[in-house]
């Protein structure tokens, strides 16, 4: 027997997922966990590309930009996974 998240069940009934439903799915452990791993890898690569020279020369790095290099890949990955799951629920 498969137990589905309530957000998945609610979204499966509607042809077009709502923004609130997508956001609820984005923060589930099943989606947020892998998205966090993706953001750590991609964010580190982006920081090396965008801020590597400042780090190697011991200059200051804009913390806001460095954090965004992690936040943006997390949002893209979790949104993509949530939207995919909303359109094609597991077990359907």
PDB file of N, CA and C in Angstrom:
ATOM      1  N   UNK A   1       0.844  -1.179   0.000  1.00  0.00           N
ATOM      2  CA  UNK A   1       0.000   0.000   0.000  1.00  0.00           C
ATOM      3  C   UNK A   1       0.885   1.236   0.000  1.00  0.00           C
ATOM      4  N   UNK A   2       0.609   2.154  -0.906  1.00  0.00           N
ATOM      5  CA  UNK A   2       1.386   3.374  -1.027  1.00  0.00           C
ATOM      6  C   UNK A   2       0.678   4.510  -0.306  1.00  0.00           C
ATOM      7  N   UNK A   3       1.420   5.237   0.519  1.00  0.00           N
ATOM      8  CA  UNK A   3       0.872   6.394   1.209  1.00  0.00           C
ATOM      9  C   UNK A   3       1.371   7.629   0.484  1.00  0.00           C
ATOM     10  N   UNK A   4       0.453   8.430  -0.001  1.00  0.00           N
ATOM     11  CA  UNK A   4       0.831   9.631  -0.739  1.00  0.00           C
ATOM     12  C   UNK A   4       0.706  10.863   0.146  1.00  0.00           C
ATOM     13  N   UNK A   5       1.498  11.838  -0.150  1.00  0.00           N
ATOM     14  CA  UNK A   5       1.436  13.121   0.536  1.00  0.00           C
ATOM     15  C   UNK A   5       0.114  13.790   0.166  1.00  0.00           C
ATOM     16  N   UNK A   6      -0.571  14.459   1.118  1.00  0.00           N
ATOM     17  CA  UNK A   6      -1.856  15.097   0.807  1.00  0.00           C
ATOM     18  C   UNK A   6      -1.771  16.091  -0.343  1.00  0.00           C
ATOM     19  N   UNK A   7      -0.641  16.775  -0.467  1.00  0.00           N
ATOM     20  CA  UNK A   7      -0.506  17.745  -1.558  1.00  0.00           C
ATOM     21  C   UNK A   7      -0.514  17.044  -2.905  1.00  0.00           C
ATOM     22  N   UNK A   8       0.077  15.857  -2.969  1.00  0.00           N
ATOM     23  CA  UNK A   8       0.100  15.104  -4.225  1.00  0.00           C
ATOM     24  C   UNK A   8      -1.312  14.663  -4.573  1.00  0.00           C
ATOM     25  N   UNK A   9      -2.056  14.166  -3.583  1.00  0.00           N
ATOM     26  CA  UNK A   9      -3.419  13.709  -3.822  1.00  0.00           C
ATOM     27  C   UNK A   9      -4.300  14.848  -4.306  1.00  0.00           C
ATOM     28  N   UNK A  10      -4.185  16.022  -3.697  1.00  0.00           N
ATOM     29  CA  UNK A  10      -5.002  17.169  -4.097  1.00  0.00           C
ATOM     30  C   UNK A  10      -4.637  17.641  -5.496  1.00  0.00           C
ATOM     31  N   UNK A  11      -3.355  17.627  -5.810  1.00  0.00           N
ATOM     32  CA  UNK A  11      -2.926  18.096  -7.124  1.00  0.00           C
ATOM     33  C   UNK A  11      -3.283  17.114  -8.231  1.00  0.00           C
ATOM     34  N   UNK A  12      -3.333  15.842  -7.898  1.00  0.00           N
ATOM     35  CA  UNK A  12      -3.615  14.834  -8.918  1.00  0.00           C
ATOM     36  C   UNK A  12      -5.018  14.999  -9.486  1.00  0.00           C
ATOM     37  N   UNK A  13      -5.936  15.540  -8.694  1.00  0.00           N
ATOM     38  CA  UNK A  13      -7.314  15.692  -9.147  1.00  0.00           C
ATOM     39  C   UNK A  13      -7.482  16.875 -10.097  1.00  0.00           C
ATOM     40  N   UNK A  14      -6.573  17.837 -10.034  1.00  0.00           N
ATOM     41  CA  UNK A  14      -6.723  19.023 -10.873  1.00  0.00           C
ATOM     42  C   UNK A  14      -5.822  18.916 -12.099  1.00  0.00           C
ATOM     43  N   UNK A  15      -6.316  19.371 -13.262  1.00  0.00           N
ATOM     44  CA  UNK A  15      -5.494  19.280 -14.468  1.00  0.00           C
ATOM     45  C   UNK A  15      -4.299  20.222 -14.448  1.00  0.00           C
ATOM     46  N   UNK A  16      -4.441  21.358 -13.798  1.00  0.00           N
ATOM     47  CA  UNK A  16      -3.351  22.333 -13.715  1.00  0.00           C
ATOM     48  C   UNK A  16      -3.037  22.588 -12.249  1.00  0.00           C
ATOM     49  N   UNK A  17      -1.831  22.237 -11.800  1.00  0.00           N
ATOM     50  CA  UNK A  17      -1.493  22.408 -10.387  1.00  0.00           C
ATOM     51  C   UNK A  17      -1.450  23.882  -9.991  1.00  0.00           C
ATOM     52  N   UNK A  18      -1.903  24.158  -8.766  1.00  0.00           N
ATOM     53  CA  UNK A  18      -1.883  25.530  -8.272  1.00  0.00           C
ATOM     54  C   UNK A  18      -0.492  25.879  -7.757  1.00  0.00           C
ATOM     55  N   UNK A  19      -0.234  27.173  -7.661  1.00  0.00           N
ATOM     56  CA  UNK A  19       1.059  27.638  -7.153  1.00  0.00           C
ATOM     57  C   UNK A  19       1.250  27.204  -5.704  1.00  0.00           C
ATOM     58  N   UNK A  20       0.194  27.275  -4.901  1.00  0.00           N
ATOM     59  CA  UNK A  20       0.303  26.869  -3.499  1.00  0.00           C
ATOM     60  C   UNK A  20       0.592  25.379  -3.391  1.00  0.00           C
ATOM     61  N   UNK A  21      -0.029  24.586  -4.243  1.00  0.00           N
ATOM     62  CA  UNK A  21       0.223  23.150  -4.237  1.00  0.00           C
ATOM     63  C   UNK A  21       1.651  22.827  -4.629  1.00  0.00           C
ATOM     64  N   UNK A  22       2.153  23.543  -5.613  1.00  0.00           N
ATOM     65  CA  UNK A  22       3.548  23.343  -6.033  1.00  0.00           C
ATOM     66  C   UNK A  22       4.486  23.703  -4.886  1.00  0.00           C
ATOM     67  N   UNK A  23       4.231  24.824  -4.204  1.00  0.00           N
ATOM     68  CA  UNK A  23       5.085  25.229  -3.079  1.00  0.00           C
ATOM     69  C   UNK A  23       5.057  24.202  -1.953  1.00  0.00           C
ATOM     70  N   UNK A  24       3.874  23.633  -1.685  1.00  0.00           N
ATOM     71  CA  UNK A  24       3.792  22.598  -0.639  1.00  0.00           C
ATOM     72  C   UNK A  24       4.631  21.392  -1.023  1.00  0.00           C
ATOM     73  N   UNK A  25       4.583  21.011  -2.288  1.00  0.00           N
ATOM     74  CA  UNK A  25       5.385  19.873  -2.733  1.00  0.00           C
ATOM     75  C   UNK A  25       6.877  20.187  -2.681  1.00  0.00           C
ATOM     76  N   UNK A  26       7.255  21.421  -2.980  1.00  0.00           N
ATOM     77  CA  UNK A  26       8.676  21.796  -3.009  1.00  0.00           C
ATOM     78  C   UNK A  26       9.364  21.601  -1.668  1.00  0.00           C
ATOM     79  N   UNK A  27       8.622  21.720  -0.573  1.00  0.00           N
ATOM     80  CA  UNK A  27       9.249  21.626   0.747  1.00  0.00           C
ATOM     81  C   UNK A  27       9.106  20.246   1.375  1.00  0.00           C
ATOM     82  N   UNK A  28       8.527  19.290   0.650  1.00  0.00           N
ATOM     83  CA  UNK A  28       8.476  17.936   1.190  1.00  0.00           C
ATOM     84  C   UNK A  28       9.884  17.356   1.190  1.00  0.00           C
ATOM     85  N   UNK A  29      10.142  16.460   2.114  1.00  0.00           N
ATOM     86  CA  UNK A  29      11.488  15.880   2.250  1.00  0.00           C
ATOM     87  C   UNK A  29      11.891  15.127   0.985  1.00  0.00           C
ATOM     88  N   UNK A  30      10.931  14.498   0.324  1.00  0.00           N
ATOM     89  CA  UNK A  30      11.223  13.715  -0.867  1.00  0.00           C
ATOM     90  C   UNK A  30      11.745  14.595  -1.998  1.00  0.00           C
ATOM     91  N   UNK A  31      11.353  15.852  -2.039  1.00  0.00           N
ATOM     92  CA  UNK A  31      11.802  16.762  -3.092  1.00  0.00           C
ATOM     93  C   UNK A  31      12.909  17.676  -2.594  1.00  0.00           C
ATOM     94  N   UNK A  32      12.769  18.216  -1.394  1.00  0.00           N
ATOM     95  CA  UNK A  32      13.755  19.178  -0.884  1.00  0.00           C
ATOM     96  C   UNK A  32      15.117  18.540  -0.632  1.00  0.00           C
ATOM     97  N   UNK A  33      15.144  17.281  -0.203  1.00  0.00           N
ATOM     98  CA  UNK A  33      16.422  16.614   0.077  1.00  0.00           C
ATOM     99  C   UNK A  33      17.316  16.524  -1.153  1.00  0.00           C
ATOM    100  N   UNK A  34      16.822  15.906  -2.230  1.00  0.00           N
ATOM    101  CA  UNK A  34      17.644  15.857  -3.445  1.00  0.00           C
ATOM    102  C   UNK A  34      17.935  17.244  -4.021  1.00  0.00           C
ATOM    103  N   UNK A  35      16.986  18.174  -3.910  1.00  0.00           N
ATOM    104  CA  UNK A  35      17.222  19.528  -4.424  1.00  0.00           C
ATOM    105  C   UNK A  35      18.348  20.209  -3.652  1.00  0.00           C
ATOM    106  N   UNK A  36      18.437  19.925  -2.363  1.00  0.00           N
ATOM    107  CA  UNK A  36      19.528  20.485  -1.556  1.00  0.00           C
ATOM    108  C   UNK A  36      20.870  19.948  -2.018  1.00  0.00           C
ATOM    109  N   UNK A  37      20.927  18.662  -2.335  1.00  0.00           N
ATOM    110  CA  UNK A  37      22.179  18.075  -2.834  1.00  0.00           C
ATOM    111  C   UNK A  37      22.583  18.702  -4.165  1.00  0.00           C
ATOM    112  N   UNK A  38      21.604  18.890  -5.042  1.00  0.00           N
ATOM    113  CA  UNK A  38      21.880  19.528  -6.337  1.00  0.00           C
ATOM    114  C   UNK A  38      22.403  20.939  -6.116  1.00  0.00           C
ATOM    115  N   UNK A  39      21.764  21.684  -5.215  1.00  0.00           N
ATOM    116  CA  UNK A  39      22.172  23.076  -4.994  1.00  0.00           C
ATOM    117  C   UNK A  39      23.568  23.164  -4.390  1.00  0.00           C
ATOM    118  N   UNK A  40      23.951  22.190  -3.566  1.00  0.00           N
ATOM    119  CA  UNK A  40      25.305  22.215  -2.995  1.00  0.00           C
ATOM    120  C   UNK A  40      26.360  22.013  -4.075  1.00  0.00           C
ATOM    121  N   UNK A  41      26.109  21.092  -4.986  1.00  0.00           N
ATOM    122  CA  UNK A  41      27.073  20.838  -6.059  1.00  0.00           C
ATOM    123  C   UNK A  41      27.100  22.001  -7.048  1.00  0.00           C
ATOM    124  N   UNK A  42      25.917  22.366  -7.560  1.00  0.00           N
ATOM    125  CA  UNK A  42      25.851  23.426  -8.580  1.00  0.00           C
ATOM    126  C   UNK A  42      26.256  24.772  -7.979  1.00  0.00           C
ATOM    127  N   UNK A  43      25.813  25.064  -6.751  1.00  0.00           N
ATOM    128  CA  UNK A  43      26.174  26.326  -6.107  1.00  0.00           C
ATOM    129  C   UNK A  43      27.665  26.466  -5.879  1.00  0.00           C
ATOM    130  N   UNK A  44      28.314  25.359  -5.510  1.00  0.00           N
ATOM    131  CA  UNK A  44      29.765  25.402  -5.313  1.00  0.00           C
ATOM    132  C   UNK A  44      30.485  25.668  -6.632  1.00  0.00           C
ATOM    133  N   UNK A  45      30.036  24.997  -7.694  1.00  0.00           N
ATOM    134  CA  UNK A  45      30.642  25.227  -9.009  1.00  0.00           C
ATOM    135  C   UNK A  45      30.424  26.685  -9.438  1.00  0.00           C
ATOM    136  N   UNK A  46      29.211  27.192  -9.253  1.00  0.00           N
ATOM    137  CA  UNK A  46      28.941  28.597  -9.615  1.00  0.00           C
ATOM    138  C   UNK A  46      29.787  29.566  -8.797  1.00  0.00           C
ATOM    139  N   UNK A  47      29.961  29.282  -7.508  1.00  0.00           N
ATOM    140  CA  UNK A  47      30.795  30.151  -6.680  1.00  0.00           C
ATOM    141  C   UNK A  47      32.250  30.116  -7.120  1.00  0.00           C
ATOM    142  N   UNK A  48      32.726  28.953  -7.510  1.00  0.00           N
ATOM    143  CA  UNK A  48      34.102  28.873  -8.014  1.00  0.00           C
ATOM    144  C   UNK A  48      34.247  29.667  -9.314  1.00  0.00           C
ATOM    145  N   UNK A  49      33.237  29.588 -10.170  1.00  0.00           N
ATOM    146  CA  UNK A  49      33.286  30.335 -11.430  1.00  0.00           C
ATOM    147  C   UNK A  49      33.164  31.838 -11.178  1.00  0.00           C
ATOM    148  N   UNK A  50      32.176  32.228 -10.367  1.00  0.00           N
ATOM    149  CA  UNK A  50      31.879  33.654 -10.183  1.00  0.00           C
ATOM    150  C   UNK A  50      32.785  34.358  -9.177  1.00  0.00           C
ATOM    151  N   UNK A  51      33.246  33.646  -8.156  1.00  0.00           N
ATOM    152  CA  UNK A  51      33.995  34.293  -7.073  1.00  0.00           C
ATOM    153  C   UNK A  51      35.361  33.681  -6.827  1.00  0.00           C
ATOM    154  N   UNK A  52      35.770  32.749  -7.660  1.00  0.00           N
ATOM    155  CA  UNK A  52      37.032  32.054  -7.433  1.00  0.00           C
ATOM    156  C   UNK A  52      38.230  32.976  -7.337  1.00  0.00           C
ATOM    157  N   UNK A  53      38.293  33.940  -8.231  1.00  0.00           N
ATOM    158  CA  UNK A  53      39.440  34.858  -8.229  1.00  0.00           C
ATOM    159  C   UNK A  53      39.514  35.662  -6.933  1.00  0.00           C
ATOM    160  N   UNK A  54      38.354  36.104  -6.428  1.00  0.00           N
ATOM    161  CA  UNK A  54      38.355  36.859  -5.166  1.00  0.00           C
ATOM    162  C   UNK A  54      38.834  35.988  -4.010  1.00  0.00           C
ATOM    163  N   UNK A  55      38.431  34.720  -4.001  1.00  0.00           N
ATOM    164  CA  UNK A  55      38.861  33.831  -2.925  1.00  0.00           C
ATOM    165  C   UNK A  55      40.348  33.543  -3.004  1.00  0.00           C
ATOM    166  N   UNK A  56      40.847  33.292  -4.207  1.00  0.00           N
ATOM    167  CA  UNK A  56      42.273  32.963  -4.341  1.00  0.00           C
ATOM    168  C   UNK A  56      43.158  34.150  -3.995  1.00  0.00           C
ATOM    169  N   UNK A  57      42.686  35.372  -4.256  1.00  0.00           N
ATOM    170  CA  UNK A  57      43.480  36.569  -3.956  1.00  0.00           C
ATOM    171  C   UNK A  57      43.130  37.169  -2.598  1.00  0.00           C
ATOM    172  N   UNK A  58      42.312  36.465  -1.820  1.00  0.00           N
ATOM    173  CA  UNK A  58      41.917  36.882  -0.462  1.00  0.00           C
ATOM    174  C   UNK A  58      41.203  38.227  -0.440  1.00  0.00           C
ATOM    175  N   UNK A  59      40.408  38.505  -1.470  1.00  0.00           N
ATOM    176  CA  UNK A  59      39.569  39.697  -1.464  1.00  0.00           C
ATOM    177  C   UNK A  59      38.197  39.318  -0.925  1.00  0.00           C
ATOM    178  N   UNK A  60      37.418  40.336  -0.587  1.00  0.00           N
ATOM    179  CA  UNK A  60      36.085  40.066  -0.049  1.00  0.00           C
ATOM    180  C   UNK A  60      35.152  39.589  -1.160  1.00  0.00           C
ATOM    181  N   UNK A  61      34.225  38.767  -0.751  1.00  0.00           N
ATOM    182  CA  UNK A  61      33.217  38.225  -1.659  1.00  0.00           C
ATOM    183  C   UNK A  61      31.865  38.720  -1.172  1.00  0.00           C
ATOM    184  N   UNK A  62      31.019  39.130  -2.110  1.00  0.00           N
ATOM    185  CA  UNK A  62      29.681  39.581  -1.762  1.00  0.00           C
ATOM    186  C   UNK A  62      28.890  38.367  -1.273  1.00  0.00           C
ATOM    187  N   UNK A  63      28.554  38.353   0.019  1.00  0.00           N
ATOM    188  CA  UNK A  63      27.866  37.219   0.625  1.00  0.00           C
ATOM    189  C   UNK A  63      26.506  36.973  -0.026  1.00  0.00           C
ATOM    190  N   UNK A  64      25.780  38.021  -0.349  1.00  0.00           N
ATOM    191  CA  UNK A  64      24.465  37.902  -0.978  1.00  0.00           C
ATOM    192  C   UNK A  64      24.572  37.148  -2.307  1.00  0.00           C
ATOM    193  N   UNK A  65      25.549  37.500  -3.127  1.00  0.00           N
ATOM    194  CA  UNK A  65      25.727  36.820  -4.405  1.00  0.00           C
ATOM    195  C   UNK A  65      26.158  35.367  -4.203  1.00  0.00           C
ATOM    196  N   UNK A  66      27.013  35.130  -3.233  1.00  0.00           N
ATOM    197  CA  UNK A  66      27.460  33.764  -2.963  1.00  0.00           C
ATOM    198  C   UNK A  66      26.290  32.896  -2.508  1.00  0.00           C
ATOM    199  N   UNK A  67      25.405  33.427  -1.675  1.00  0.00           N
ATOM    200  CA  UNK A  67      24.241  32.667  -1.223  1.00  0.00           C
ATOM    201  C   UNK A  67      23.261  32.404  -2.365  1.00  0.00           C
ATOM    202  N   UNK A  68      23.096  33.386  -3.230  1.00  0.00           N
ATOM    203  CA  UNK A  68      22.186  33.200  -4.367  1.00  0.00           C
ATOM    204  C   UNK A  68      22.664  32.091  -5.292  1.00  0.00           C
ATOM    205  N   UNK A  69      23.969  31.860  -5.349  1.00  0.00           N
ATOM    206  CA  UNK A  69      24.498  30.770  -6.157  1.00  0.00           C
ATOM    207  C   UNK A  69      24.021  29.409  -5.644  1.00  0.00           C
ATOM    208  N   UNK A  70      23.586  29.334  -4.391  1.00  0.00           N
ATOM    209  CA  UNK A  70      23.024  28.103  -3.835  1.00  0.00           C
ATOM    210  C   UNK A  70      21.496  28.112  -3.877  1.00  0.00           C
ATOM    211  N   UNK A  71      20.899  29.267  -3.632  1.00  0.00           N
ATOM    212  CA  UNK A  71      19.434  29.362  -3.564  1.00  0.00           C
ATOM    213  C   UNK A  71      18.792  29.123  -4.928  1.00  0.00           C
ATOM    214  N   UNK A  72      19.341  29.697  -5.976  1.00  0.00           N
ATOM    215  CA  UNK A  72      18.737  29.573  -7.307  1.00  0.00           C
ATOM    216  C   UNK A  72      18.713  28.120  -7.784  1.00  0.00           C
ATOM    217  N   UNK A  73      19.808  27.364  -7.717  1.00  0.00           N
ATOM    218  CA  UNK A  73      19.715  25.958  -8.133  1.00  0.00           C
ATOM    219  C   UNK A  73      18.737  25.140  -7.276  1.00  0.00           C
ATOM    220  N   UNK A  74      18.653  25.462  -5.969  1.00  0.00           N
ATOM    221  CA  UNK A  74      17.684  24.763  -5.116  1.00  0.00           C
ATOM    222  C   UNK A  74      16.264  25.025  -5.594  1.00  0.00           C
ATOM    223  N   UNK A  75      15.954  26.286  -5.874  1.00  0.00           N
ATOM    224  CA  UNK A  75      14.602  26.633  -6.326  1.00  0.00           C
ATOM    225  C   UNK A  75      14.272  25.989  -7.669  1.00  0.00           C
ATOM    226  N   UNK A  76      15.212  26.012  -8.582  1.00  0.00           N
ATOM    227  CA  UNK A  76      14.975  25.425  -9.906  1.00  0.00           C
ATOM    228  C   UNK A  76      14.770  23.918  -9.784  1.00  0.00           C
ATOM    229  N   UNK A  77      15.625  23.251  -9.029  1.00  0.00           N
ATOM    230  CA  UNK A  77      15.533  21.805  -8.888  1.00  0.00           C
ATOM    231  C   UNK A  77      14.249  21.382  -8.179  1.00  0.00           C
ATOM    232  N   UNK A  78      13.935  22.031  -7.070  1.00  0.00           N
ATOM    233  CA  UNK A  78      12.739  21.647  -6.319  1.00  0.00           C
ATOM    234  C   UNK A  78      11.465  22.005  -7.079  1.00  0.00           C
ATOM    235  N   UNK A  79      11.440  23.130  -7.777  1.00  0.00           N
ATOM    236  CA  UNK A  79      10.268  23.493  -8.570  1.00  0.00           C
ATOM    237  C   UNK A  79      10.047  22.492  -9.694  1.00  0.00           C
ATOM    238  N   UNK A  80      11.115  22.134 -10.383  1.00  0.00           N
ATOM    239  CA  UNK A  80      10.997  21.182 -11.489  1.00  0.00           C
ATOM    240  C   UNK A  80      10.482  19.834 -10.996  1.00  0.00           C
ATOM    241  N   UNK A  81      11.023  19.351  -9.891  1.00  0.00           N
ATOM    242  CA  UNK A  81      10.593  18.066  -9.348  1.00  0.00           C
ATOM    243  C   UNK A  81       9.147  18.132  -8.860  1.00  0.00           C
ATOM    244  N   UNK A  82       8.775  19.224  -8.193  1.00  0.00           N
ATOM    245  CA  UNK A  82       7.404  19.359  -7.690  1.00  0.00           C
ATOM    246  C   UNK A  82       6.405  19.454  -8.832  1.00  0.00           C
ATOM    247  N   UNK A  83       6.744  20.196  -9.844  1.00  0.00           N
ATOM    248  CA  UNK A  83       5.833  20.321 -10.984  1.00  0.00           C
ATOM    249  C   UNK A  83       5.682  18.985 -11.707  1.00  0.00           C
ATOM    250  N   UNK A  84       6.775  18.273 -11.846  1.00  0.00           N
ATOM    251  CA  UNK A  84       6.716  16.960 -12.479  1.00  0.00           C
ATOM    252  C   UNK A  84       5.858  16.003 -11.653  1.00  0.00           C
ATOM    253  N   UNK A  85       6.036  16.017 -10.341  1.00  0.00           N
ATOM    254  CA  UNK A  85       5.256  15.130  -9.483  1.00  0.00           C
ATOM    255  C   UNK A  85       3.780  15.521  -9.475  1.00  0.00           C
ATOM    256  N   UNK A  86       3.504  16.804  -9.554  1.00  0.00           N
ATOM    257  CA  UNK A  86       2.108  17.251  -9.582  1.00  0.00           C
ATOM    258  C   UNK A  86       1.415  16.795 -10.858  1.00  0.00           C
ATOM    259  N   UNK A  87       2.145  16.775 -11.940  1.00  0.00           N
ATOM    260  CA  UNK A  87       1.559  16.363 -13.233  1.00  0.00           C
ATOM    261  C   UNK A  87       1.488  14.851 -13.358  1.00  0.00           C
ATOM    262  N   UNK A  88       2.446  14.154 -12.754  1.00  0.00           N
ATOM    263  CA  UNK A  88       2.512  12.687 -12.848  1.00  0.00           C
ATOM    264  C   UNK A  88       2.731  12.117 -11.459  1.00  0.00           C
ATOM    265  N   UNK A  89       1.685  12.045 -10.631  1.00  0.00           N
ATOM    266  CA  UNK A  89       1.851  11.552  -9.248  1.00  0.00           C
ATOM    267  C   UNK A  89       2.385  10.125  -9.222  1.00  0.00           C
ATOM    268  N   UNK A  90       3.163   9.778  -8.188  1.00  0.00           N
ATOM    269  CA  UNK A  90       3.684   8.424  -8.083  1.00  0.00           C
ATOM    270  C   UNK A  90       2.525   7.427  -7.951  1.00  0.00           C
ATOM    271  N   UNK A  91       2.658   6.326  -8.633  1.00  0.00           N
ATOM    272  CA  UNK A  91       1.629   5.297  -8.567  1.00  0.00           C
ATOM    273  C   UNK A  91       0.458   5.534  -9.509  1.00  0.00           C
ATOM    274  N   UNK A  92       0.505   6.639 -10.257  1.00  0.00           N
ATOM    275  CA  UNK A  92      -0.603   6.922 -11.171  1.00  0.00           C
ATOM    276  C   UNK A  92      -0.320   6.386 -12.547  1.00  0.00           C
TER     277      UNK A  92
END
